[in-house]
Amino acid sequence: MPGEDGPSLVEHIRSETKQPNHTAPIVMLNGSTTKYMVAKARDAGANMVVKKPIAPTILLSRIEWIARNNRDFIGSSGYCGPDRRFKTVARAEDAEERRASAAALVADPTRVMSQDEVSSLFG
């Protein structure tokens, strides 16, 4: 996006309070998921950031998570987007790491979508 980054687009969408998609869930796809970029996207109002390249099952699982975990929408002078607070619960000792299956999928190069395939989803 020449002259604009993902977080600024999210801020723009969230700031248009009279528009019907103002509160629509936003999954930001980005090649960089540094702490800085994720925090910037979160602070702009994105529901989630997913790192490219994207495995279809990972993207679908994130969309399903957003659908199941309907977080309150917050609108104030300094922030507009989903409630950023999460309840932290310790993982049971015998429970598998929740990202283990996702990491295995992403590690398989045959399961990763190319940029053209990602673009075709939205075009």
Protein backbone atom coordinates (compact mmCIF):
# COMPACT_ATOMS: atom_id res chain seq x y z
CA MET A 1 0.00 0.00 0.00
CA PRO A 2 2.01 2.96 -1.22
CA GLY A 3 2.20 5.74 1.35
CA GLU A 4 0.15 3.84 3.93
CA ASP A 5 0.76 0.93 6.25
CA GLY A 6 -1.71 -1.61 7.66
CA PRO A 7 -2.15 0.04 11.06
CA SER A 8 -2.95 3.42 9.50
CA LEU A 9 -5.59 1.76 7.30
CA VAL A 10 -7.08 0.07 10.40
CA GLU A 11 -7.15 3.44 12.20
CA HIS A 12 -8.89 5.00 9.22
CA ILE A 13 -11.56 2.27 9.13
CA ARG A 14 -12.12 2.51 12.88
CA SER A 15 -12.32 6.33 12.80
CA GLU A 16 -15.22 6.33 10.30
CA THR A 17 -17.82 5.85 13.05
CA LYS A 18 -20.75 6.64 10.75
CA GLN A 19 -19.81 3.79 8.35
CA PRO A 20 -21.39 0.33 8.76
CA ASN A 21 -18.04 -1.53 8.71
CA HIS A 22 -16.57 0.60 11.47
CA THR A 23 -16.82 -2.30 13.95
CA ALA A 24 -16.10 -5.15 11.51
CA PRO A 25 -13.41 -7.58 12.67
CA ILE A 26 -10.04 -6.84 11.07
CA VAL A 27 -7.36 -9.49 10.58
CA MET A 28 -4.18 -7.77 9.45
CA LEU A 29 -1.87 -9.86 7.24
CA ASN A 30 1.73 -8.74 7.50
CA GLY A 31 5.20 -9.96 6.61
CA SER A 32 6.51 -8.58 9.90
CA THR A 33 5.21 -9.64 13.28
CA THR A 34 7.72 -7.91 15.50
CA LYS A 35 6.45 -6.84 18.92
CA TYR A 36 6.44 -3.25 17.65
CA MET A 37 4.31 -4.04 14.56
CA VAL A 38 1.85 -6.24 16.47
CA ALA A 39 1.47 -3.58 19.18
CA LYS A 40 0.99 -0.89 16.52
CA ALA A 41 -1.72 -2.96 14.80
CA ARG A 42 -3.41 -3.77 18.13
CA ASP A 43 -3.33 -0.12 19.18
CA ALA A 44 -4.85 0.85 15.81
CA GLY A 45 -7.82 -1.47 16.47
CA ALA A 46 -6.96 -4.68 14.58
CA ASN A 47 -8.47 -7.83 16.03
CA MET A 48 -5.50 -9.99 15.06
CA VAL A 49 -2.24 -9.97 13.11
CA VAL A 50 -1.27 -13.01 11.01
CA LYS A 51 2.22 -13.37 9.56
CA LYS A 52 2.72 -14.06 5.86
CA PRO A 53 3.12 -16.50 4.21
CA ILE A 54 -0.25 -17.80 5.28
CA ALA A 55 -1.45 -21.36 5.64
CA PRO A 56 -5.20 -21.43 4.88
CA THR A 57 -5.93 -23.47 8.01
CA ILE A 58 -4.17 -20.87 10.18
CA LEU A 59 -6.17 -18.01 8.66
CA LEU A 60 -9.41 -19.97 9.08
CA SER A 61 -8.59 -20.80 12.71
CA ARG A 62 -7.97 -17.10 13.47
CA ILE A 63 -11.27 -16.11 11.85
CA GLU A 64 -13.06 -18.84 13.83
CA TRP A 65 -11.39 -17.62 17.04
CA ILE A 66 -12.63 -14.09 16.42
CA ALA A 67 -16.15 -15.41 15.74
CA ARG A 68 -16.21 -17.52 18.93
CA ASN A 69 -14.63 -14.91 21.21
CA ASN A 70 -16.84 -11.91 20.66
CA ARG A 71 -14.97 -9.18 22.50
CA ASP A 72 -16.65 -5.91 23.41
CA PHE A 73 -16.00 -3.03 21.04
CA ILE A 74 -14.43 0.00 22.71
CA GLY A 75 -14.77 3.52 21.36
CA SER A 76 -13.00 6.39 23.10
CA SER A 77 -10.96 9.43 22.18
CA GLY A 78 -7.70 7.45 22.30
CA TYR A 79 -8.73 4.04 20.99
CA CYS A 80 -11.38 2.42 18.82
CA GLY A 81 -11.49 -1.35 18.38
CA PRO A 82 -11.96 -4.65 20.19
CA ASP A 83 -11.34 -4.78 23.94
CA ARG A 84 -7.63 -5.59 24.26
CA ARG A 85 -7.93 -7.22 27.67
CA PHE A 86 -7.67 -11.01 27.84
CA LYS A 87 -8.18 -13.29 30.80
CA THR A 88 -4.95 -15.23 31.38
CA VAL A 89 -5.35 -18.83 32.44
CA ALA A 90 -2.40 -21.13 33.02
CA ARG A 91 -2.12 -24.08 30.64
CA ALA A 92 -2.62 -27.50 32.21
CA GLU A 93 0.60 -29.52 32.48
CA ASP A 94 -0.71 -32.29 30.21
CA ALA A 95 -2.16 -29.86 27.62
CA GLU A 96 -0.41 -29.51 24.28
CA GLU A 97 1.04 -26.10 23.36
CA ARG A 98 -1.85 -24.41 21.52
CA ARG A 99 0.36 -23.29 18.63
CA ALA A 100 2.09 -26.65 18.04
CA SER A 101 -0.24 -27.72 15.22
CA ALA A 102 -0.08 -24.24 13.65
CA ALA A 103 3.73 -24.26 13.75
CA ALA A 104 3.78 -27.68 12.10
CA LEU A 105 1.46 -26.46 9.32
CA VAL A 106 3.50 -23.34 8.65
CA ALA A 107 6.70 -25.39 8.56
CA ASP A 108 5.28 -27.49 5.70
CA PRO A 109 6.09 -25.52 2.51
CA THR A 110 3.35 -27.30 0.55
CA ARG A 111 0.69 -25.81 2.87
CA VAL A 112 1.72 -22.15 2.52
CA MET A 113 -0.20 -19.75 0.26
CA SER A 114 1.68 -17.54 -2.18
CA GLN A 115 1.00 -13.80 -2.28
CA ASP A 116 -0.99 -14.32 -5.51
CA GLU A 117 -3.20 -16.90 -3.79
CA VAL A 118 -3.78 -14.55 -0.85
CA SER A 119 -4.60 -11.68 -3.21
CA SER A 120 -7.07 -13.86 -5.10
CA LEU A 121 -9.07 -14.32 -1.88
CA PHE A 122 -9.78 -10.59 -1.80
CA GLY A 123 -9.98 -9.79 -5.48
